[in-house]
Each structure stands twice: as C-alpha cells, then as structure tokens.
Amino acid sequence: MKNERSAALPVVFVVDDDASVREALSSLVRSIGLRIETFASAQEFFAAKRPDAVCCLILDVRLPGLSGLDFQAELTKAKIQIPIIFITGHGDIPMSVKAMKAGAVEFLTKPFRDQDLLDAIQVALERARASQANEKAVSELRAKFATLTPREQEVMGWVTGGLLNKQVAAEIGVTEITVKVHRGKVTRKMGAKSLADLVKMADILGIRRTKS
C-alpha cells in the first residue's frame, strides 16, 4: 500500500551538474512530500526510464554538453511535455525571455528563495495535471470516434462543418433520411448532447469538413 501511494505522488526531476545543488533540491522537494529524481546531465535524463506520473522538471540553464535551452528544444522535438522551471547563476534577460516563450513555467536566478521555487513547482505540477487530463479526454474522444463506421465518420465531418442534412445527402449520394439515421447514431456513439457539443468534438479531432 505504501509503495502504491508513493507511485501516485508527483515527481520532480532535477537536471543540474552541481552535486551540492542536486542534494539541496532533493531535501527541499522531499520536505513537501514529493518524489524527486536527480540527473547530472541531459543525457542521463534521456537515458533514464521516467515514471508514469504527474511531473515537472527543474533544469539548470548551463549544463555540460547539451545546454538547458537546447535540452528544452529537444524535449519539444521529442514531444515530451514536462513543465520546466529554469534555474541559473548566470541568467540574463534575453535568455529568460527565450525560455519563457518556449513554455517554461519560471526562470529563477541563483540564489533564489526556497519558497519561490516551491511556488513554481506547484504551478508546474498544476499545469502537468491539466495537460494530463486534457490528453486523457482527447484519447477517449478518439476511441469513441473509432467506433463510428466510415460513413458515420464522413457524416460527422460534414454535419459539423455546417451542412444541412439535405446538403450532406447530396454531397455523399444518399437520401436525407439516411443522413438523419447516421447523424443520430453519431450523436449517440460520441455521447454528444447537442450539435454544438459535436462541433467541439470535431474541432478537437480535426475532422470538420467544409465545401470548397
């Protein structure tokens, strides 16, 4: 039971080449009841197996090999979405602007207050939770869409694109009654409460069709 509770805890990753910084951050993060995993380089982080949990990353800007900003770009390229808190002893305004524009949660210059970092961690974890919930919702939506027949998927695309039933019928070469039947099945299978609801789903899935 204890292991299960521990596995459910959010994880804070730290990538910093200074062992004393890694040790200090470990003590600080554990003091608020979170798990922490530390790495001396970006390469170590990429080589490690990451737990399937809500997480964030505390990242030193100046690292041996791959710099913190380059590391941030590599994560984006690899589609690894982890909210990042940058820490640095040599930060400047252009560097912080670049980091924040690329999606960083915070950019802290050493020495910083423990509370400032703890606040940033909470913001980052909330962002991670929201992202995880959104990914789950999109995944469930795709699963529902996959249960539709090819014709039902086609009808959903045209209906949410703004066409009337008779226009959809003319577009795909069936009767208006047939379109109504397909539309009813689509609404039921997708769990939509209204056309507006269905349109939102289609937008998320990127399947709305419009006449050229």
N, C-alpha and C. Protein backbone atom coordinates (compact mmCIF):
# COMPACT_ATOMS: atom_id res chain seq x y z
N MET A 1 0.83 -1.21 0.00
CA MET A 1 0.00 0.00 0.00
C MET A 1 0.86 1.26 0.00
N LYS A 2 1.96 1.21 0.81
CA LYS A 2 2.86 2.35 0.87
C LYS A 2 3.50 2.61 -0.49
N ASN A 3 3.91 1.52 -1.17
CA ASN A 3 4.52 1.67 -2.50
C ASN A 3 3.55 2.24 -3.51
N GLU A 4 2.26 1.85 -3.39
CA GLU A 4 1.24 2.36 -4.31
C GLU A 4 1.04 3.86 -4.10
N ARG A 5 1.03 4.28 -2.81
CA ARG A 5 0.87 5.71 -2.52
C ARG A 5 2.06 6.49 -3.04
N SER A 6 3.26 5.92 -2.88
CA SER A 6 4.48 6.57 -3.34
C SER A 6 4.48 6.71 -4.86
N ALA A 7 4.01 5.66 -5.55
CA ALA A 7 3.98 5.68 -7.02
C ALA A 7 3.01 6.73 -7.53
N ALA A 8 1.98 7.06 -6.73
CA ALA A 8 0.97 8.03 -7.16
C ALA A 8 1.42 9.47 -6.93
N LEU A 9 2.48 9.66 -6.16
CA LEU A 9 2.97 11.01 -5.87
C LEU A 9 3.57 11.65 -7.12
N PRO A 10 3.38 12.96 -7.27
CA PRO A 10 4.04 13.67 -8.37
C PRO A 10 5.55 13.55 -8.24
N VAL A 11 6.24 13.67 -9.37
CA VAL A 11 7.70 13.55 -9.39
C VAL A 11 8.32 14.85 -9.88
N VAL A 12 9.33 15.29 -9.16
CA VAL A 12 10.11 16.45 -9.59
C VAL A 12 11.46 15.95 -10.07
N PHE A 13 11.76 16.21 -11.35
CA PHE A 13 13.07 15.86 -11.90
C PHE A 13 14.00 17.06 -11.77
N VAL A 14 15.24 16.79 -11.45
CA VAL A 14 16.24 17.86 -11.38
C VAL A 14 17.40 17.49 -12.29
N VAL A 15 17.78 18.39 -13.19
CA VAL A 15 18.96 18.19 -14.02
C VAL A 15 19.92 19.35 -13.75
N ASP A 16 21.01 19.04 -13.03
CA ASP A 16 22.00 20.06 -12.66
C ASP A 16 23.33 19.35 -12.47
N ASP A 17 24.39 19.91 -13.03
CA ASP A 17 25.68 19.25 -12.94
C ASP A 17 26.39 19.46 -11.60
N ASP A 18 25.81 20.29 -10.73
CA ASP A 18 26.39 20.56 -9.41
C ASP A 18 25.77 19.62 -8.39
N ALA A 19 26.58 18.70 -7.85
CA ALA A 19 26.07 17.69 -6.90
C ALA A 19 25.48 18.34 -5.66
N SER A 20 26.07 19.44 -5.18
CA SER A 20 25.56 20.09 -3.97
C SER A 20 24.18 20.70 -4.21
N VAL A 21 23.96 21.20 -5.43
CA VAL A 21 22.64 21.75 -5.78
C VAL A 21 21.61 20.62 -5.84
N ARG A 22 21.99 19.50 -6.46
CA ARG A 22 21.07 18.36 -6.55
C ARG A 22 20.69 17.88 -5.15
N GLU A 23 21.66 17.83 -4.25
CA GLU A 23 21.40 17.37 -2.87
C GLU A 23 20.48 18.34 -2.14
N ALA A 24 20.74 19.63 -2.28
CA ALA A 24 19.92 20.64 -1.60
C ALA A 24 18.48 20.63 -2.11
N LEU A 25 18.33 20.50 -3.43
CA LEU A 25 16.99 20.47 -4.02
C LEU A 25 16.24 19.19 -3.63
N SER A 26 16.97 18.09 -3.50
CA SER A 26 16.35 16.83 -3.07
C SER A 26 15.73 16.98 -1.69
N SER A 27 16.48 17.58 -0.77
CA SER A 27 15.99 17.78 0.60
C SER A 27 14.78 18.69 0.60
N LEU A 28 14.84 19.76 -0.20
CA LEU A 28 13.74 20.73 -0.24
C LEU A 28 12.47 20.10 -0.79
N VAL A 29 12.60 19.38 -1.89
CA VAL A 29 11.41 18.78 -2.53
C VAL A 29 10.81 17.69 -1.64
N ARG A 30 11.66 16.88 -1.03
CA ARG A 30 11.15 15.83 -0.14
C ARG A 30 10.46 16.41 1.09
N SER A 31 10.84 17.61 1.47
CA SER A 31 10.24 18.24 2.66
C SER A 31 8.77 18.56 2.46
N ILE A 32 8.33 18.64 1.19
CA ILE A 32 6.90 18.90 0.94
C ILE A 32 6.19 17.64 0.44
N GLY A 33 6.85 16.48 0.65
CA GLY A 33 6.20 15.21 0.38
C GLY A 33 6.14 14.76 -1.06
N LEU A 34 7.04 15.27 -1.89
CA LEU A 34 7.06 14.87 -3.30
C LEU A 34 8.24 13.95 -3.58
N ARG A 35 8.11 13.15 -4.63
CA ARG A 35 9.24 12.32 -5.07
C ARG A 35 10.20 13.17 -5.90
N ILE A 36 11.46 12.82 -5.89
CA ILE A 36 12.43 13.55 -6.70
C ILE A 36 13.43 12.59 -7.32
N GLU A 37 13.81 12.87 -8.56
CA GLU A 37 14.85 12.11 -9.24
C GLU A 37 15.83 13.11 -9.82
N THR A 38 17.12 12.91 -9.55
CA THR A 38 18.12 13.87 -9.99
C THR A 38 19.06 13.30 -11.04
N PHE A 39 19.55 14.19 -11.92
CA PHE A 39 20.45 13.80 -13.01
C PHE A 39 21.53 14.87 -13.16
N ALA A 40 22.73 14.45 -13.52
CA ALA A 40 23.85 15.37 -13.67
C ALA A 40 23.91 15.98 -15.06
N SER A 41 23.19 15.39 -16.01
CA SER A 41 23.24 15.90 -17.39
C SER A 41 21.96 15.57 -18.13
N ALA A 42 21.77 16.24 -19.27
CA ALA A 42 20.60 15.97 -20.11
C ALA A 42 20.64 14.53 -20.63
N GLN A 43 21.85 14.06 -20.94
CA GLN A 43 21.99 12.70 -21.47
C GLN A 43 21.53 11.65 -20.44
N GLU A 44 21.85 11.88 -19.17
CA GLU A 44 21.40 10.97 -18.11
C GLU A 44 19.88 10.94 -18.03
N PHE A 45 19.27 12.11 -18.15
CA PHE A 45 17.81 12.21 -18.09
C PHE A 45 17.17 11.43 -19.23
N PHE A 46 17.68 11.62 -20.44
CA PHE A 46 17.10 10.94 -21.60
C PHE A 46 17.29 9.42 -21.53
N ALA A 47 18.37 8.98 -20.89
CA ALA A 47 18.66 7.55 -20.80
C ALA A 47 17.81 6.85 -19.74
N ALA A 48 17.29 7.61 -18.79
CA ALA A 48 16.54 7.01 -17.69
C ALA A 48 15.09 6.72 -18.08
N LYS A 49 14.51 5.72 -17.43
CA LYS A 49 13.09 5.41 -17.63
C LYS A 49 12.28 6.30 -16.69
N ARG A 50 11.40 7.10 -17.27
CA ARG A 50 10.63 8.03 -16.46
C ARG A 50 9.32 7.40 -15.98
N PRO A 51 8.95 7.62 -14.71
CA PRO A 51 7.71 7.05 -14.18
C PRO A 51 6.48 7.69 -14.82
N ASP A 52 5.42 6.93 -14.89
CA ASP A 52 4.16 7.44 -15.47
C ASP A 52 3.40 8.17 -14.37
N ALA A 53 3.77 9.41 -14.16
CA ALA A 53 3.17 10.20 -13.08
C ALA A 53 3.18 11.67 -13.47
N VAL A 54 2.38 12.47 -12.77
CA VAL A 54 2.43 13.92 -12.95
C VAL A 54 3.83 14.37 -12.55
N CYS A 55 4.45 15.20 -13.38
CA CYS A 55 5.84 15.57 -13.10
C CYS A 55 6.18 16.95 -13.63
N CYS A 56 7.30 17.47 -13.14
CA CYS A 56 7.86 18.70 -13.67
C CYS A 56 9.37 18.59 -13.62
N LEU A 57 10.05 19.55 -14.22
CA LEU A 57 11.50 19.47 -14.37
C LEU A 57 12.16 20.77 -13.91
N ILE A 58 13.11 20.64 -12.98
CA ILE A 58 13.95 21.78 -12.59
C ILE A 58 15.25 21.64 -13.37
N LEU A 59 15.55 22.62 -14.18
CA LEU A 59 16.63 22.49 -15.16
C LEU A 59 17.62 23.64 -15.08
N ASP A 60 18.90 23.31 -14.91
CA ASP A 60 19.95 24.32 -14.92
C ASP A 60 20.19 24.76 -16.37
N VAL A 61 20.28 26.05 -16.58
CA VAL A 61 20.47 26.57 -17.93
C VAL A 61 21.82 26.14 -18.51
N ARG A 62 22.86 26.21 -17.68
CA ARG A 62 24.21 25.90 -18.16
C ARG A 62 24.59 24.49 -17.73
N LEU A 63 24.54 23.57 -18.69
CA LEU A 63 24.87 22.17 -18.43
C LEU A 63 26.02 21.74 -19.33
N PRO A 64 26.78 20.73 -18.91
CA PRO A 64 27.82 20.20 -19.79
C PRO A 64 27.17 19.48 -20.98
N GLY A 65 27.72 19.65 -22.15
CA GLY A 65 27.12 19.00 -23.32
C GLY A 65 25.94 19.81 -23.82
N LEU A 66 24.76 19.27 -23.68
CA LEU A 66 23.54 19.93 -24.13
C LEU A 66 23.11 20.99 -23.11
N SER A 67 23.00 22.25 -23.54
CA SER A 67 22.60 23.31 -22.61
C SER A 67 21.14 23.16 -22.23
N GLY A 68 20.73 23.87 -21.17
CA GLY A 68 19.35 23.79 -20.71
C GLY A 68 18.35 24.21 -21.77
N LEU A 69 18.66 25.29 -22.50
CA LEU A 69 17.74 25.78 -23.53
C LEU A 69 17.68 24.81 -24.71
N ASP A 70 18.82 24.22 -25.06
CA ASP A 70 18.83 23.21 -26.12
C ASP A 70 18.07 21.96 -25.67
N PHE A 71 18.22 21.63 -24.40
CA PHE A 71 17.51 20.49 -23.81
C PHE A 71 16.01 20.71 -23.90
N GLN A 72 15.56 21.93 -23.60
CA GLN A 72 14.15 22.28 -23.70
C GLN A 72 13.65 22.07 -25.14
N ALA A 73 14.46 22.48 -26.11
CA ALA A 73 14.10 22.31 -27.52
C ALA A 73 14.03 20.84 -27.90
N GLU A 74 14.96 20.04 -27.36
CA GLU A 74 14.97 18.60 -27.65
C GLU A 74 13.73 17.91 -27.09
N LEU A 75 13.32 18.32 -25.89
CA LEU A 75 12.11 17.76 -25.28
C LEU A 75 10.88 18.06 -26.15
N THR A 76 10.81 19.29 -26.63
CA THR A 76 9.70 19.68 -27.50
C THR A 76 9.70 18.86 -28.79
N LYS A 77 10.90 18.69 -29.36
CA LYS A 77 11.05 17.92 -30.60
C LYS A 77 10.62 16.46 -30.40
N ALA A 78 10.93 15.93 -29.20
CA ALA A 78 10.60 14.54 -28.88
C ALA A 78 9.16 14.39 -28.38
N LYS A 79 8.42 15.53 -28.35
CA LYS A 79 7.03 15.56 -27.88
C LYS A 79 6.91 15.05 -26.43
N ILE A 80 7.92 15.38 -25.63
CA ILE A 80 7.88 15.08 -24.20
C ILE A 80 7.43 16.36 -23.50
N GLN A 81 6.20 16.34 -22.99
CA GLN A 81 5.64 17.55 -22.40
C GLN A 81 5.82 17.53 -20.88
N ILE A 82 6.84 18.22 -20.42
CA ILE A 82 7.10 18.35 -18.99
C ILE A 82 7.27 19.84 -18.68
N PRO A 83 6.46 20.39 -17.79
CA PRO A 83 6.64 21.80 -17.42
C PRO A 83 8.04 22.01 -16.82
N ILE A 84 8.72 23.06 -17.28
CA ILE A 84 10.11 23.29 -16.88
C ILE A 84 10.27 24.55 -16.04
N ILE A 85 11.06 24.41 -14.96
CA ILE A 85 11.48 25.55 -14.16
C ILE A 85 12.98 25.69 -14.36
N PHE A 86 13.42 26.79 -14.94
CA PHE A 86 14.84 27.01 -15.15
C PHE A 86 15.48 27.66 -13.93
N ILE A 87 16.67 27.21 -13.58
CA ILE A 87 17.46 27.87 -12.55
C ILE A 87 18.84 28.16 -13.13
N THR A 88 19.42 29.29 -12.75
CA THR A 88 20.73 29.65 -13.29
C THR A 88 21.45 30.64 -12.39
N GLY A 89 22.74 30.57 -12.43
CA GLY A 89 23.53 31.56 -11.71
C GLY A 89 24.04 32.63 -12.65
N HIS A 90 23.72 32.47 -13.94
CA HIS A 90 24.27 33.39 -14.95
C HIS A 90 23.17 33.89 -15.89
N GLY A 91 21.97 33.97 -15.40
CA GLY A 91 20.85 34.32 -16.29
C GLY A 91 20.90 35.76 -16.77
N ASP A 92 20.42 35.97 -17.98
CA ASP A 92 20.23 37.33 -18.47
C ASP A 92 18.84 37.43 -19.06
N ILE A 93 18.42 38.64 -19.37
CA ILE A 93 17.04 38.85 -19.82
C ILE A 93 16.74 38.14 -21.14
N PRO A 94 17.58 38.23 -22.18
CA PRO A 94 17.28 37.51 -23.44
C PRO A 94 17.13 36.00 -23.23
N MET A 95 17.97 35.44 -22.35
CA MET A 95 17.91 34.01 -22.09
C MET A 95 16.58 33.63 -21.42
N SER A 96 16.16 34.45 -20.44
CA SER A 96 14.91 34.15 -19.73
C SER A 96 13.71 34.33 -20.65
N VAL A 97 13.77 35.33 -21.51
CA VAL A 97 12.67 35.56 -22.47
C VAL A 97 12.52 34.37 -23.41
N LYS A 98 13.67 33.88 -23.91
CA LYS A 98 13.65 32.73 -24.81
C LYS A 98 13.06 31.50 -24.13
N ALA A 99 13.45 31.28 -22.87
CA ALA A 99 12.95 30.13 -22.12
C ALA A 99 11.45 30.23 -21.89
N MET A 100 10.97 31.40 -21.49
CA MET A 100 9.55 31.59 -21.20
C MET A 100 8.70 31.49 -22.47
N LYS A 101 9.22 32.03 -23.58
CA LYS A 101 8.50 31.93 -24.86
C LYS A 101 8.35 30.49 -25.30
N ALA A 102 9.35 29.66 -24.93
CA ALA A 102 9.29 28.23 -25.30
C ALA A 102 8.45 27.42 -24.32
N GLY A 103 7.82 28.10 -23.35
CA GLY A 103 6.88 27.40 -22.48
C GLY A 103 7.32 27.14 -21.06
N ALA A 104 8.48 27.69 -20.65
CA ALA A 104 8.95 27.46 -19.28
C ALA A 104 7.97 28.08 -18.28
N VAL A 105 7.85 27.44 -17.13
CA VAL A 105 6.96 27.93 -16.06
C VAL A 105 7.60 29.12 -15.34
N GLU A 106 8.90 29.01 -15.06
CA GLU A 106 9.59 30.06 -14.30
C GLU A 106 11.08 30.05 -14.64
N PHE A 107 11.72 31.17 -14.42
CA PHE A 107 13.15 31.31 -14.66
C PHE A 107 13.73 31.97 -13.42
N LEU A 108 14.40 31.20 -12.57
CA LEU A 108 14.90 31.70 -11.29
C LEU A 108 16.42 31.85 -11.32
N THR A 109 16.89 32.97 -10.86
CA THR A 109 18.34 33.23 -10.80
C THR A 109 18.85 32.94 -9.39
N LYS A 110 19.92 32.15 -9.31
CA LYS A 110 20.53 31.82 -8.02
C LYS A 110 21.23 33.07 -7.46
N PRO A 111 21.18 33.29 -6.12
CA PRO A 111 20.42 32.48 -5.15
C PRO A 111 18.95 32.92 -5.15
N PHE A 112 18.06 31.93 -5.08
CA PHE A 112 16.63 32.24 -5.02
C PHE A 112 16.07 31.73 -3.70
N ARG A 113 14.92 32.27 -3.31
CA ARG A 113 14.27 31.83 -2.07
C ARG A 113 13.67 30.45 -2.28
N ASP A 114 13.77 29.61 -1.26
CA ASP A 114 13.17 28.28 -1.33
C ASP A 114 11.70 28.36 -1.68
N GLN A 115 10.99 29.33 -1.08
CA GLN A 115 9.56 29.45 -1.30
C GLN A 115 9.23 29.79 -2.75
N ASP A 116 10.09 30.58 -3.39
CA ASP A 116 9.86 30.91 -4.80
C ASP A 116 9.91 29.65 -5.66
N LEU A 117 10.87 28.78 -5.34
CA LEU A 117 10.97 27.53 -6.10
C LEU A 117 9.79 26.62 -5.80
N LEU A 118 9.42 26.53 -4.52
CA LEU A 118 8.28 25.66 -4.15
C LEU A 118 6.99 26.15 -4.82
N ASP A 119 6.82 27.46 -4.88
CA ASP A 119 5.63 28.02 -5.56
C ASP A 119 5.65 27.65 -7.04
N ALA A 120 6.82 27.76 -7.65
CA ALA A 120 6.96 27.43 -9.08
C ALA A 120 6.68 25.95 -9.32
N ILE A 121 7.12 25.10 -8.39
CA ILE A 121 6.86 23.65 -8.51
C ILE A 121 5.36 23.38 -8.50
N GLN A 122 4.64 24.04 -7.60
CA GLN A 122 3.18 23.83 -7.52
C GLN A 122 2.49 24.28 -8.82
N VAL A 123 2.92 25.42 -9.36
CA VAL A 123 2.36 25.91 -10.63
C VAL A 123 2.64 24.91 -11.75
N ALA A 124 3.88 24.40 -11.78
CA ALA A 124 4.27 23.45 -12.82
C ALA A 124 3.48 22.15 -12.73
N LEU A 125 3.29 21.66 -11.52
CA LEU A 125 2.54 20.40 -11.34
C LEU A 125 1.07 20.58 -11.70
N GLU A 126 0.50 21.75 -11.40
CA GLU A 126 -0.89 22.01 -11.80
C GLU A 126 -1.01 22.03 -13.31
N ARG A 127 -0.01 22.61 -13.97
CA ARG A 127 0.00 22.63 -15.44
C ARG A 127 0.09 21.21 -15.98
N ALA A 128 0.92 20.39 -15.33
CA ALA A 128 1.08 18.99 -15.76
C ALA A 128 -0.21 18.21 -15.57
N ARG A 129 -0.90 18.44 -14.45
CA ARG A 129 -2.18 17.75 -14.20
C ARG A 129 -3.21 18.12 -15.27
N ALA A 130 -3.28 19.41 -15.59
CA ALA A 130 -4.23 19.88 -16.60
C ALA A 130 -3.92 19.27 -17.96
N SER A 131 -2.64 19.21 -18.30
CA SER A 131 -2.22 18.63 -19.57
C SER A 131 -2.55 17.15 -19.63
N GLN A 132 -2.32 16.44 -18.52
CA GLN A 132 -2.60 15.00 -18.46
C GLN A 132 -4.10 14.74 -18.62
N ALA A 133 -4.92 15.58 -17.95
CA ALA A 133 -6.37 15.42 -18.04
C ALA A 133 -6.85 15.68 -19.46
N ASN A 134 -6.26 16.68 -20.12
CA ASN A 134 -6.64 17.00 -21.49
C ASN A 134 -6.26 15.87 -22.45
N GLU A 135 -5.06 15.32 -22.25
CA GLU A 135 -4.62 14.19 -23.10
C GLU A 135 -5.54 12.99 -22.94
N LYS A 136 -5.98 12.75 -21.70
CA LYS A 136 -6.88 11.63 -21.45
C LYS A 136 -8.22 11.85 -22.14
N ALA A 137 -8.74 13.08 -22.06
CA ALA A 137 -10.02 13.39 -22.69
C ALA A 137 -9.95 13.24 -24.21
N VAL A 138 -8.84 13.70 -24.80
CA VAL A 138 -8.66 13.59 -26.25
C VAL A 138 -8.54 12.12 -26.67
N SER A 139 -7.83 11.35 -25.87
CA SER A 139 -7.66 9.92 -26.14
C SER A 139 -9.01 9.20 -26.11
N GLU A 140 -9.84 9.54 -25.12
CA GLU A 140 -11.16 8.92 -25.01
C GLU A 140 -12.04 9.33 -26.19
N LEU A 141 -11.90 10.59 -26.64
CA LEU A 141 -12.67 11.08 -27.77
C LEU A 141 -12.28 10.34 -29.05
N ARG A 142 -10.98 10.12 -29.23
CA ARG A 142 -10.50 9.39 -30.42
C ARG A 142 -11.03 7.95 -30.40
N ALA A 143 -11.09 7.37 -29.20
CA ALA A 143 -11.58 5.99 -29.08
C ALA A 143 -13.06 5.91 -29.47
N LYS A 144 -13.84 6.91 -29.07
CA LYS A 144 -15.25 6.95 -29.45
C LYS A 144 -15.40 7.13 -30.97
N PHE A 145 -14.58 8.02 -31.53
CA PHE A 145 -14.65 8.27 -32.98
C PHE A 145 -14.31 7.00 -33.76
N ALA A 146 -13.42 6.20 -33.22
CA ALA A 146 -13.01 4.96 -33.89
C ALA A 146 -14.13 3.93 -33.94
N THR A 147 -15.15 4.09 -33.06
CA THR A 147 -16.28 3.15 -33.06
C THR A 147 -17.28 3.47 -34.17
N LEU A 148 -17.15 4.65 -34.79
CA LEU A 148 -18.06 5.02 -35.88
C LEU A 148 -17.67 4.29 -37.16
N THR A 149 -18.67 3.99 -37.98
CA THR A 149 -18.38 3.40 -39.29
C THR A 149 -17.78 4.49 -40.17
N PRO A 150 -17.10 4.11 -41.26
CA PRO A 150 -16.54 5.12 -42.17
C PRO A 150 -17.60 6.12 -42.64
N ARG A 151 -18.81 5.65 -42.91
CA ARG A 151 -19.88 6.54 -43.37
C ARG A 151 -20.31 7.50 -42.25
N GLU A 152 -20.39 6.97 -41.02
CA GLU A 152 -20.77 7.83 -39.88
C GLU A 152 -19.69 8.89 -39.63
N GLN A 153 -18.43 8.52 -39.80
CA GLN A 153 -17.35 9.49 -39.64
C GLN A 153 -17.46 10.58 -40.70
N GLU A 154 -17.81 10.18 -41.90
CA GLU A 154 -17.98 11.13 -43.00
C GLU A 154 -19.12 12.10 -42.71
N VAL A 155 -20.24 11.55 -42.25
CA VAL A 155 -21.41 12.37 -41.93
C VAL A 155 -21.08 13.35 -40.80
N MET A 156 -20.37 12.88 -39.80
CA MET A 156 -19.98 13.76 -38.69
C MET A 156 -19.14 14.92 -39.20
N GLY A 157 -18.23 14.64 -40.12
CA GLY A 157 -17.38 15.69 -40.68
C GLY A 157 -18.17 16.76 -41.41
N TRP A 158 -19.15 16.32 -42.21
CA TRP A 158 -19.95 17.28 -42.99
C TRP A 158 -20.95 18.04 -42.10
N VAL A 159 -21.61 17.34 -41.20
CA VAL A 159 -22.61 17.98 -40.34
C VAL A 159 -21.96 19.04 -39.45
N THR A 160 -20.80 18.71 -38.88
CA THR A 160 -20.13 19.67 -38.01
C THR A 160 -19.46 20.78 -38.81
N GLY A 161 -19.37 20.58 -40.12
CA GLY A 161 -18.82 21.61 -40.99
C GLY A 161 -19.86 22.64 -41.38
N GLY A 162 -21.12 22.43 -40.94
CA GLY A 162 -22.17 23.43 -41.16
C GLY A 162 -23.19 23.07 -42.22
N LEU A 163 -23.10 21.87 -42.82
CA LEU A 163 -24.06 21.49 -43.86
C LEU A 163 -25.36 20.97 -43.25
N LEU A 164 -26.48 21.27 -43.91
CA LEU A 164 -27.77 20.72 -43.51
C LEU A 164 -27.85 19.27 -43.95
N ASN A 165 -28.79 18.53 -43.38
CA ASN A 165 -28.93 17.11 -43.71
C ASN A 165 -29.08 16.89 -45.22
N LYS A 166 -29.89 17.72 -45.86
CA LYS A 166 -30.13 17.52 -47.30
C LYS A 166 -28.87 17.83 -48.11
N GLN A 167 -28.07 18.79 -47.61
CA GLN A 167 -26.81 19.11 -48.29
C GLN A 167 -25.80 17.97 -48.14
N VAL A 168 -25.77 17.38 -46.94
CA VAL A 168 -24.88 16.23 -46.71
C VAL A 168 -25.30 15.07 -47.61
N ALA A 169 -26.62 14.86 -47.71
CA ALA A 169 -27.16 13.78 -48.54
C ALA A 169 -26.70 13.94 -49.99
N ALA A 170 -26.78 15.17 -50.48
CA ALA A 170 -26.37 15.43 -51.87
C ALA A 170 -24.86 15.24 -52.03
N GLU A 171 -24.12 15.59 -51.00
CA GLU A 171 -22.66 15.53 -51.04
C GLU A 171 -22.16 14.08 -51.11
N ILE A 172 -22.82 13.19 -50.34
CA ILE A 172 -22.30 11.82 -50.27
C ILE A 172 -23.17 10.82 -51.05
N GLY A 173 -24.24 11.32 -51.68
CA GLY A 173 -25.04 10.47 -52.57
C GLY A 173 -25.97 9.50 -51.87
N VAL A 174 -26.61 9.94 -50.78
CA VAL A 174 -27.59 9.11 -50.09
C VAL A 174 -28.84 9.96 -49.85
N THR A 175 -29.89 9.35 -49.30
CA THR A 175 -31.11 10.10 -49.04
C THR A 175 -30.97 10.90 -47.74
N GLU A 176 -31.83 11.91 -47.60
CA GLU A 176 -31.80 12.74 -46.39
C GLU A 176 -32.15 11.91 -45.16
N ILE A 177 -33.06 10.95 -45.32
CA ILE A 177 -33.45 10.06 -44.21
C ILE A 177 -32.23 9.27 -43.72
N THR A 178 -31.44 8.78 -44.67
CA THR A 178 -30.25 8.01 -44.32
C THR A 178 -29.27 8.87 -43.53
N VAL A 179 -29.11 10.12 -43.94
CA VAL A 179 -28.22 11.04 -43.21
C VAL A 179 -28.72 11.23 -41.78
N LYS A 180 -30.05 11.38 -41.63
CA LYS A 180 -30.63 11.57 -40.29
C LYS A 180 -30.33 10.37 -39.39
N VAL A 181 -30.44 9.17 -39.99
CA VAL A 181 -30.16 7.95 -39.22
C VAL A 181 -28.69 7.92 -38.79
N HIS A 182 -27.80 8.20 -39.74
CA HIS A 182 -26.36 8.21 -39.44
C HIS A 182 -26.05 9.28 -38.37
N ARG A 183 -26.69 10.43 -38.52
CA ARG A 183 -26.44 11.54 -37.59
C ARG A 183 -26.87 11.17 -36.17
N GLY A 184 -27.99 10.47 -36.08
CA GLY A 184 -28.47 10.02 -34.76
C GLY A 184 -27.50 9.05 -34.12
N LYS A 185 -26.97 8.14 -34.93
CA LYS A 185 -26.00 7.15 -34.42
C LYS A 185 -24.71 7.84 -33.98
N VAL A 186 -24.28 8.82 -34.77
CA VAL A 186 -23.06 9.56 -34.44
C VAL A 186 -23.21 10.27 -33.10
N THR A 187 -24.34 10.94 -32.94
CA THR A 187 -24.60 11.68 -31.70
C THR A 187 -24.60 10.75 -30.49
N ARG A 188 -25.21 9.59 -30.66
CA ARG A 188 -25.31 8.62 -29.55
C ARG A 188 -23.93 8.02 -29.24
N LYS A 189 -23.23 7.57 -30.26
CA LYS A 189 -21.93 6.93 -30.04
C LYS A 189 -20.89 7.89 -29.47
N MET A 190 -20.95 9.15 -29.90
CA MET A 190 -19.97 10.14 -29.43
C MET A 190 -20.35 10.71 -28.06
N GLY A 191 -21.60 10.47 -27.65
CA GLY A 191 -22.03 10.98 -26.34
C GLY A 191 -22.26 12.49 -26.37
N ALA A 192 -22.62 13.01 -27.55
CA ALA A 192 -22.86 14.44 -27.69
C ALA A 192 -24.27 14.80 -27.23
N LYS A 193 -24.41 15.94 -26.57
CA LYS A 193 -25.72 16.38 -26.08
C LYS A 193 -26.40 17.35 -27.05
N SER A 194 -25.63 17.88 -27.99
CA SER A 194 -26.17 18.84 -28.95
C SER A 194 -25.23 18.93 -30.15
N LEU A 195 -25.66 19.64 -31.17
CA LEU A 195 -24.81 19.83 -32.35
C LEU A 195 -23.56 20.63 -31.95
N ALA A 196 -23.75 21.63 -31.09
CA ALA A 196 -22.62 22.44 -30.64
C ALA A 196 -21.58 21.56 -29.95
N ASP A 197 -22.05 20.60 -29.17
CA ASP A 197 -21.18 19.66 -28.48
C ASP A 197 -20.40 18.83 -29.50
N LEU A 198 -21.10 18.39 -30.54
CA LEU A 198 -20.49 17.58 -31.59
C LEU A 198 -19.44 18.39 -32.37
N VAL A 199 -19.75 19.67 -32.59
CA VAL A 199 -18.82 20.55 -33.30
C VAL A 199 -17.51 20.71 -32.50
N LYS A 200 -17.64 20.86 -31.18
CA LYS A 200 -16.44 20.98 -30.32
C LYS A 200 -15.59 19.71 -30.44
N MET A 201 -16.25 18.56 -30.43
CA MET A 201 -15.53 17.28 -30.56
C MET A 201 -14.82 17.21 -31.91
N ALA A 202 -15.51 17.62 -32.96
CA ALA A 202 -14.92 17.58 -34.30
C ALA A 202 -13.72 18.51 -34.41
N ASP A 203 -13.80 19.66 -33.74
CA ASP A 203 -12.68 20.61 -33.74
C ASP A 203 -11.45 19.99 -33.09
N ILE A 204 -11.67 19.31 -31.96
CA ILE A 204 -10.57 18.67 -31.24
C ILE A 204 -9.95 17.57 -32.11
N LEU A 205 -10.81 16.82 -32.80
CA LEU A 205 -10.35 15.72 -33.65
C LEU A 205 -9.81 16.20 -34.99
N GLY A 206 -10.17 17.43 -35.36
CA GLY A 206 -9.72 17.99 -36.63
C GLY A 206 -10.38 17.33 -37.83
N ILE A 207 -11.69 17.02 -37.72
CA ILE A 207 -12.34 16.28 -38.81
C ILE A 207 -13.50 17.05 -39.47
N ARG A 208 -13.68 18.33 -39.12
CA ARG A 208 -14.77 19.10 -39.74
C ARG A 208 -14.49 19.29 -41.22
N ARG A 209 -15.55 19.09 -42.03
CA ARG A 209 -15.41 19.26 -43.48
C ARG A 209 -16.19 20.48 -43.93
N THR A 210 -15.63 21.21 -44.88
CA THR A 210 -16.34 22.36 -45.46
C THR A 210 -16.23 22.27 -46.97
N LYS A 211 -17.27 22.75 -47.64
CA LYS A 211 -17.28 22.73 -49.12
C LYS A 211 -16.33 23.79 -49.63
N SER A 212 -15.53 23.42 -50.59
CA SER A 212 -14.57 24.38 -51.16
C SER A 212 -15.28 25.32 -52.12
